[in-house]
Amino acid sequence: MSENHDGSAHHPTERVVGGTTVVELRGEIDLLTASPLSARLDALASRPRPDLVLDLRPVSFIDCSGLSVLCRVRNRILAGHGRLRLVVDSDRLLRVLRLARLADVFEVLPHLPGPLVRVPEADVVPSGRD
């Protein structure tokens, strides 16, 4: 973990495409960023039949508190009969998921599904705004 926290994980970007919420997380997901991130993801997971895609490609680091956030949102989404997908293209992050025995727990994709790739900029909103 770097000493220089830019706080970008505190402000993920969100967009909704055809009922699916895509959340792009950036930077480090660790003890400092886990709590506000967890609160926002809890709000998204509390919707009826949530369909959430977490784009982790811009994530540079994740620790056990970050993995805990992912597990928490997964459990809440499954309880709400929803769907959670993680987009991961980093060998390092995939290795972390495997070592934590979570790689098979999540639906992990190497890239965003086709319909979710291109969205007009007007649909992108900072986290916490509905």
N, C-alpha and C. Protein backbone atom coordinates (compact mmCIF):
# COMPACT_ATOMS: atom_id res chain seq x y z
N MET A 1 0.84 -1.18 0.00
CA MET A 1 0.00 0.00 0.00
C MET A 1 0.88 1.23 0.00
N SER A 2 0.51 2.20 -0.77
CA SER A 2 1.31 3.41 -0.82
C SER A 2 0.89 4.36 0.30
N GLU A 3 1.81 5.22 0.67
CA GLU A 3 1.53 6.22 1.69
C GLU A 3 0.68 7.34 1.13
N ASN A 4 0.67 7.50 -0.18
CA ASN A 4 -0.04 8.58 -0.82
C ASN A 4 -1.43 8.12 -1.23
N HIS A 5 -2.40 8.43 -0.43
CA HIS A 5 -3.79 8.07 -0.72
C HIS A 5 -4.45 9.21 -1.45
N ASP A 6 -4.92 8.95 -2.67
CA ASP A 6 -5.59 10.03 -3.39
C ASP A 6 -7.08 10.06 -3.12
N GLY A 7 -7.61 9.05 -2.42
CA GLY A 7 -9.02 9.06 -2.04
C GLY A 7 -9.97 8.71 -3.16
N SER A 8 -9.45 8.31 -4.33
CA SER A 8 -10.33 8.06 -5.46
C SER A 8 -11.31 6.93 -5.23
N ALA A 9 -10.96 5.97 -4.39
CA ALA A 9 -11.90 4.89 -4.10
C ALA A 9 -13.09 5.41 -3.31
N HIS A 10 -12.94 6.58 -2.67
CA HIS A 10 -14.06 7.18 -1.95
C HIS A 10 -15.12 7.68 -2.92
N HIS A 11 -14.74 7.95 -4.15
CA HIS A 11 -15.65 8.54 -5.12
C HIS A 11 -15.69 7.72 -6.41
N PRO A 12 -16.25 6.51 -6.33
CA PRO A 12 -16.35 5.73 -7.56
C PRO A 12 -17.36 6.38 -8.50
N THR A 13 -17.23 6.09 -9.77
CA THR A 13 -18.23 6.58 -10.72
C THR A 13 -19.26 5.49 -10.95
N GLU A 14 -20.47 5.91 -11.18
CA GLU A 14 -21.58 4.98 -11.40
C GLU A 14 -22.33 5.38 -12.66
N ARG A 15 -22.88 4.40 -13.30
CA ARG A 15 -23.80 4.64 -14.40
C ARG A 15 -24.77 3.48 -14.44
N VAL A 16 -25.96 3.73 -14.91
CA VAL A 16 -26.99 2.70 -15.04
C VAL A 16 -27.26 2.49 -16.51
N VAL A 17 -27.15 1.24 -16.94
CA VAL A 17 -27.39 0.88 -18.33
C VAL A 17 -28.38 -0.27 -18.35
N GLY A 18 -29.57 -0.01 -18.84
CA GLY A 18 -30.57 -1.06 -18.97
C GLY A 18 -30.85 -1.81 -17.67
N GLY A 19 -30.88 -1.12 -16.56
CA GLY A 19 -31.16 -1.75 -15.28
C GLY A 19 -29.95 -2.29 -14.55
N THR A 20 -28.79 -2.25 -15.17
CA THR A 20 -27.55 -2.70 -14.54
C THR A 20 -26.77 -1.48 -14.08
N THR A 21 -26.34 -1.49 -12.83
CA THR A 21 -25.51 -0.40 -12.31
C THR A 21 -24.05 -0.82 -12.43
N VAL A 22 -23.27 -0.01 -13.13
CA VAL A 22 -21.84 -0.24 -13.29
C VAL A 22 -21.12 0.75 -12.39
N VAL A 23 -20.31 0.23 -11.48
CA VAL A 23 -19.55 1.07 -10.57
C VAL A 23 -18.07 0.86 -10.86
N GLU A 24 -17.39 1.93 -11.24
CA GLU A 24 -15.95 1.85 -11.50
C GLU A 24 -15.21 2.30 -10.25
N LEU A 25 -14.43 1.38 -9.70
CA LEU A 25 -13.62 1.67 -8.53
C LEU A 25 -12.19 1.93 -8.99
N ARG A 26 -11.52 2.86 -8.30
CA ARG A 26 -10.16 3.23 -8.69
C ARG A 26 -9.26 3.28 -7.48
N GLY A 27 -7.99 3.14 -7.72
CA GLY A 27 -7.00 3.32 -6.67
C GLY A 27 -6.94 2.16 -5.71
N GLU A 28 -6.89 2.48 -4.45
CA GLU A 28 -6.71 1.47 -3.41
C GLU A 28 -8.01 1.23 -2.65
N ILE A 29 -8.33 -0.04 -2.45
CA ILE A 29 -9.48 -0.41 -1.62
C ILE A 29 -8.88 -1.06 -0.38
N ASP A 30 -8.85 -0.28 0.70
CA ASP A 30 -8.18 -0.73 1.91
C ASP A 30 -8.91 -0.21 3.13
N LEU A 31 -8.28 -0.29 4.26
CA LEU A 31 -8.89 0.11 5.52
C LEU A 31 -9.41 1.55 5.48
N LEU A 32 -8.71 2.43 4.79
CA LEU A 32 -9.12 3.84 4.73
C LEU A 32 -10.31 4.08 3.82
N THR A 33 -10.47 3.27 2.80
CA THR A 33 -11.53 3.51 1.81
C THR A 33 -12.70 2.54 1.94
N ALA A 34 -12.54 1.47 2.71
CA ALA A 34 -13.55 0.41 2.77
C ALA A 34 -14.88 0.89 3.35
N SER A 35 -14.85 1.67 4.40
CA SER A 35 -16.09 2.06 5.06
C SER A 35 -17.02 2.89 4.17
N PRO A 36 -16.54 3.99 3.57
CA PRO A 36 -17.44 4.74 2.69
C PRO A 36 -17.86 3.95 1.46
N LEU A 37 -16.96 3.13 0.94
CA LEU A 37 -17.31 2.29 -0.20
C LEU A 37 -18.39 1.29 0.18
N SER A 38 -18.24 0.67 1.32
CA SER A 38 -19.22 -0.30 1.80
C SER A 38 -20.59 0.35 1.95
N ALA A 39 -20.64 1.56 2.49
CA ALA A 39 -21.91 2.26 2.66
C ALA A 39 -22.59 2.49 1.32
N ARG A 40 -21.83 2.92 0.32
CA ARG A 40 -22.43 3.17 -1.00
C ARG A 40 -22.90 1.88 -1.65
N LEU A 41 -22.08 0.83 -1.58
CA LEU A 41 -22.46 -0.44 -2.18
C LEU A 41 -23.65 -1.07 -1.45
N ASP A 42 -23.74 -0.88 -0.13
CA ASP A 42 -24.91 -1.35 0.62
C ASP A 42 -26.18 -0.69 0.09
N ALA A 43 -26.11 0.61 -0.19
CA ALA A 43 -27.28 1.32 -0.73
C ALA A 43 -27.68 0.76 -2.09
N LEU A 44 -26.71 0.48 -2.93
CA LEU A 44 -27.01 -0.09 -4.25
C LEU A 44 -27.56 -1.51 -4.13
N ALA A 45 -27.03 -2.27 -3.18
CA ALA A 45 -27.47 -3.66 -2.99
C ALA A 45 -28.84 -3.75 -2.36
N SER A 46 -29.31 -2.68 -1.74
CA SER A 46 -30.61 -2.72 -1.07
C SER A 46 -31.78 -2.52 -2.03
N ARG A 47 -31.50 -2.19 -3.26
CA ARG A 47 -32.55 -2.02 -4.26
C ARG A 47 -33.16 -3.38 -4.61
N PRO A 48 -34.38 -3.39 -5.09
CA PRO A 48 -35.00 -4.67 -5.48
C PRO A 48 -34.24 -5.33 -6.63
N ARG A 49 -33.94 -6.61 -6.48
CA ARG A 49 -33.22 -7.39 -7.50
C ARG A 49 -32.05 -6.62 -8.10
N PRO A 50 -31.09 -6.26 -7.28
CA PRO A 50 -29.98 -5.45 -7.78
C PRO A 50 -29.14 -6.20 -8.81
N ASP A 51 -28.74 -5.49 -9.84
CA ASP A 51 -27.83 -6.01 -10.86
C ASP A 51 -26.65 -5.06 -10.87
N LEU A 52 -25.53 -5.52 -10.31
CA LEU A 52 -24.38 -4.64 -10.08
C LEU A 52 -23.14 -5.23 -10.74
N VAL A 53 -22.42 -4.37 -11.44
CA VAL A 53 -21.13 -4.72 -12.02
C VAL A 53 -20.09 -3.80 -11.38
N LEU A 54 -19.11 -4.39 -10.73
CA LEU A 54 -18.02 -3.62 -10.15
C LEU A 54 -16.82 -3.72 -11.07
N ASP A 55 -16.45 -2.61 -11.66
CA ASP A 55 -15.29 -2.57 -12.56
C ASP A 55 -14.05 -2.31 -11.72
N LEU A 56 -13.28 -3.35 -11.51
CA LEU A 56 -12.08 -3.27 -10.67
C LEU A 56 -10.80 -3.08 -11.47
N ARG A 57 -10.92 -2.90 -12.77
CA ARG A 57 -9.71 -2.77 -13.60
C ARG A 57 -8.81 -1.62 -13.16
N PRO A 58 -9.35 -0.47 -12.74
CA PRO A 58 -8.47 0.62 -12.30
C PRO A 58 -7.99 0.49 -10.85
N VAL A 59 -8.32 -0.60 -10.17
CA VAL A 59 -7.89 -0.78 -8.78
C VAL A 59 -6.43 -1.20 -8.76
N SER A 60 -5.63 -0.48 -7.97
CA SER A 60 -4.20 -0.78 -7.90
C SER A 60 -3.83 -1.65 -6.70
N PHE A 61 -4.72 -1.69 -5.69
CA PHE A 61 -4.42 -2.44 -4.47
C PHE A 61 -5.72 -2.77 -3.76
N ILE A 62 -5.77 -3.96 -3.17
CA ILE A 62 -6.91 -4.33 -2.33
C ILE A 62 -6.37 -5.14 -1.16
N ASP A 63 -6.86 -4.83 0.04
CA ASP A 63 -6.44 -5.60 1.21
C ASP A 63 -7.64 -6.39 1.74
N CYS A 64 -7.49 -6.99 2.91
CA CYS A 64 -8.56 -7.84 3.44
C CYS A 64 -9.82 -7.05 3.74
N SER A 65 -9.70 -5.78 4.10
CA SER A 65 -10.91 -4.99 4.33
C SER A 65 -11.64 -4.73 3.01
N GLY A 66 -10.90 -4.58 1.93
CA GLY A 66 -11.51 -4.43 0.62
C GLY A 66 -12.19 -5.71 0.17
N LEU A 67 -11.54 -6.85 0.42
CA LEU A 67 -12.16 -8.14 0.10
C LEU A 67 -13.42 -8.35 0.92
N SER A 68 -13.40 -7.89 2.16
CA SER A 68 -14.57 -7.99 3.02
C SER A 68 -15.74 -7.18 2.45
N VAL A 69 -15.45 -6.00 1.91
CA VAL A 69 -16.49 -5.18 1.28
C VAL A 69 -17.11 -5.94 0.11
N LEU A 70 -16.27 -6.56 -0.71
CA LEU A 70 -16.78 -7.33 -1.85
C LEU A 70 -17.67 -8.48 -1.39
N CYS A 71 -17.24 -9.18 -0.36
CA CYS A 71 -18.04 -10.30 0.16
C CYS A 71 -19.35 -9.82 0.74
N ARG A 72 -19.31 -8.70 1.45
CA ARG A 72 -20.52 -8.15 2.05
C ARG A 72 -21.55 -7.78 0.98
N VAL A 73 -21.10 -7.06 -0.05
CA VAL A 73 -22.04 -6.66 -1.10
C VAL A 73 -22.55 -7.89 -1.85
N ARG A 74 -21.71 -8.89 -2.05
CA ARG A 74 -22.15 -10.12 -2.70
C ARG A 74 -23.27 -10.77 -1.90
N ASN A 75 -23.09 -10.91 -0.60
CA ASN A 75 -24.09 -11.54 0.25
C ASN A 75 -25.41 -10.76 0.24
N ARG A 76 -25.32 -9.45 0.28
CA ARG A 76 -26.54 -8.62 0.25
C ARG A 76 -27.26 -8.72 -1.08
N ILE A 77 -26.50 -8.74 -2.16
CA ILE A 77 -27.12 -8.85 -3.48
C ILE A 77 -27.77 -10.21 -3.66
N LEU A 78 -27.09 -11.27 -3.24
CA LEU A 78 -27.69 -12.60 -3.36
C LEU A 78 -28.94 -12.72 -2.50
N ALA A 79 -28.93 -12.11 -1.33
CA ALA A 79 -30.11 -12.13 -0.46
C ALA A 79 -31.29 -11.41 -1.12
N GLY A 80 -30.99 -10.42 -1.95
CA GLY A 80 -32.02 -9.69 -2.68
C GLY A 80 -32.31 -10.28 -4.04
N HIS A 81 -31.83 -11.50 -4.28
CA HIS A 81 -32.05 -12.22 -5.54
C HIS A 81 -31.53 -11.44 -6.74
N GLY A 82 -30.38 -10.77 -6.53
CA GLY A 82 -29.78 -10.00 -7.60
C GLY A 82 -28.55 -10.68 -8.17
N ARG A 83 -27.77 -9.90 -8.88
CA ARG A 83 -26.57 -10.42 -9.55
C ARG A 83 -25.42 -9.45 -9.36
N LEU A 84 -24.25 -10.00 -9.05
CA LEU A 84 -23.03 -9.21 -8.91
C LEU A 84 -21.97 -9.79 -9.83
N ARG A 85 -21.34 -8.90 -10.59
CA ARG A 85 -20.21 -9.30 -11.44
C ARG A 85 -19.03 -8.39 -11.15
N LEU A 86 -17.84 -8.98 -11.14
CA LEU A 86 -16.60 -8.22 -10.97
C LEU A 86 -15.85 -8.24 -12.30
N VAL A 87 -15.39 -7.09 -12.72
CA VAL A 87 -14.56 -7.01 -13.92
C VAL A 87 -13.13 -6.84 -13.46
N VAL A 88 -12.31 -7.84 -13.75
CA VAL A 88 -10.92 -7.87 -13.30
C VAL A 88 -10.04 -8.29 -14.47
N ASP A 89 -9.05 -7.46 -14.79
CA ASP A 89 -8.10 -7.84 -15.84
C ASP A 89 -6.67 -7.89 -15.34
N SER A 90 -6.48 -7.69 -14.05
CA SER A 90 -5.15 -7.69 -13.44
C SER A 90 -4.81 -9.08 -12.91
N ASP A 91 -3.67 -9.62 -13.37
CA ASP A 91 -3.22 -10.91 -12.84
C ASP A 91 -3.00 -10.83 -11.33
N ARG A 92 -2.54 -9.69 -10.87
CA ARG A 92 -2.28 -9.51 -9.44
C ARG A 92 -3.57 -9.60 -8.63
N LEU A 93 -4.63 -8.91 -9.08
CA LEU A 93 -5.90 -8.95 -8.36
C LEU A 93 -6.55 -10.33 -8.47
N LEU A 94 -6.44 -10.95 -9.63
CA LEU A 94 -6.96 -12.32 -9.77
C LEU A 94 -6.25 -13.28 -8.82
N ARG A 95 -4.95 -13.08 -8.67
CA ARG A 95 -4.17 -13.92 -7.74
C ARG A 95 -4.64 -13.72 -6.30
N VAL A 96 -4.90 -12.47 -5.92
CA VAL A 96 -5.41 -12.19 -4.58
C VAL A 96 -6.74 -12.90 -4.36
N LEU A 97 -7.63 -12.83 -5.34
CA LEU A 97 -8.93 -13.51 -5.22
C LEU A 97 -8.74 -15.02 -5.10
N ARG A 98 -7.81 -15.58 -5.88
CA ARG A 98 -7.56 -17.03 -5.80
C ARG A 98 -6.98 -17.41 -4.45
N LEU A 99 -6.00 -16.66 -3.97
CA LEU A 99 -5.37 -16.97 -2.68
C LEU A 99 -6.36 -16.87 -1.52
N ALA A 100 -7.31 -15.95 -1.64
CA ALA A 100 -8.33 -15.79 -0.61
C ALA A 100 -9.49 -16.78 -0.81
N ARG A 101 -9.35 -17.63 -1.83
CA ARG A 101 -10.38 -18.62 -2.18
C ARG A 101 -11.72 -17.96 -2.52
N LEU A 102 -11.63 -16.82 -3.21
CA LEU A 102 -12.82 -16.08 -3.61
C LEU A 102 -13.03 -16.06 -5.12
N ALA A 103 -12.06 -16.53 -5.88
CA ALA A 103 -12.17 -16.46 -7.34
C ALA A 103 -13.38 -17.21 -7.86
N ASP A 104 -13.73 -18.31 -7.22
CA ASP A 104 -14.88 -19.10 -7.67
C ASP A 104 -16.18 -18.68 -6.98
N VAL A 105 -16.07 -17.79 -6.02
CA VAL A 105 -17.25 -17.31 -5.29
C VAL A 105 -17.94 -16.20 -6.09
N PHE A 106 -17.14 -15.41 -6.80
CA PHE A 106 -17.66 -14.29 -7.58
C PHE A 106 -17.75 -14.67 -9.05
N GLU A 107 -18.64 -14.00 -9.75
CA GLU A 107 -18.67 -14.07 -11.21
C GLU A 107 -17.66 -13.04 -11.70
N VAL A 108 -16.51 -13.51 -12.18
CA VAL A 108 -15.41 -12.64 -12.58
C VAL A 108 -15.33 -12.60 -14.10
N LEU A 109 -15.31 -11.39 -14.64
CA LEU A 109 -15.23 -11.19 -16.08
C LEU A 109 -13.94 -10.44 -16.42
N PRO A 110 -13.34 -10.71 -17.59
CA PRO A 110 -12.11 -10.01 -17.97
C PRO A 110 -12.36 -8.60 -18.53
N HIS A 111 -13.60 -8.31 -18.92
CA HIS A 111 -13.94 -7.00 -19.46
C HIS A 111 -15.44 -6.77 -19.28
N LEU A 112 -15.86 -5.54 -19.46
CA LEU A 112 -17.27 -5.21 -19.34
C LEU A 112 -18.07 -5.93 -20.42
N PRO A 113 -19.24 -6.44 -20.09
CA PRO A 113 -20.10 -7.02 -21.13
C PRO A 113 -20.41 -5.96 -22.18
N GLY A 114 -20.53 -6.38 -23.43
CA GLY A 114 -20.72 -5.50 -24.58
C GLY A 114 -21.69 -4.35 -24.38
N PRO A 115 -22.93 -4.61 -23.95
CA PRO A 115 -23.88 -3.50 -23.83
C PRO A 115 -23.51 -2.47 -22.76
N LEU A 116 -22.59 -2.82 -21.87
CA LEU A 116 -22.23 -1.90 -20.79
C LEU A 116 -20.98 -1.09 -21.09
N VAL A 117 -20.35 -1.32 -22.24
CA VAL A 117 -19.07 -0.68 -22.54
C VAL A 117 -19.22 0.80 -22.84
N ARG A 118 -20.04 1.16 -23.76
CA ARG A 118 -20.13 2.56 -24.19
C ARG A 118 -21.43 3.18 -23.69
N VAL A 119 -21.24 4.26 -22.93
CA VAL A 119 -22.38 4.96 -22.36
C VAL A 119 -22.14 6.45 -22.54
N PRO A 120 -23.16 7.21 -22.94
CA PRO A 120 -22.97 8.66 -23.05
C PRO A 120 -22.51 9.24 -21.72
N GLU A 121 -21.62 10.22 -21.77
CA GLU A 121 -21.07 10.84 -20.57
C GLU A 121 -22.15 11.40 -19.67
N ALA A 122 -23.29 11.80 -20.22
CA ALA A 122 -24.37 12.38 -19.41
C ALA A 122 -24.91 11.37 -18.39
N ASP A 123 -24.72 10.07 -18.64
CA ASP A 123 -25.23 9.06 -17.74
C ASP A 123 -24.28 8.73 -16.61
N VAL A 124 -23.06 9.27 -16.64
CA VAL A 124 -22.08 8.98 -15.60
C VAL A 124 -22.26 9.98 -14.48
N VAL A 125 -22.46 9.48 -13.25
CA VAL A 125 -22.65 10.35 -12.10
C VAL A 125 -21.69 9.94 -11.00
N PRO A 126 -21.25 10.89 -10.19
CA PRO A 126 -20.43 10.52 -9.03
C PRO A 126 -21.24 9.67 -8.07
N SER A 127 -20.54 8.84 -7.33
CA SER A 127 -21.18 7.98 -6.35
C SER A 127 -21.95 8.81 -5.33
N GLY A 128 -23.06 8.24 -4.87
CA GLY A 128 -23.84 8.89 -3.83
C GLY A 128 -24.94 9.77 -4.35
N ARG A 129 -24.99 9.95 -5.65
CA ARG A 129 -26.06 10.75 -6.26
C ARG A 129 -27.00 9.81 -6.98
N ASP A 130 -28.26 10.02 -6.83
CA ASP A 130 -29.27 9.21 -7.54
C ASP A 130 -30.08 10.07 -8.46
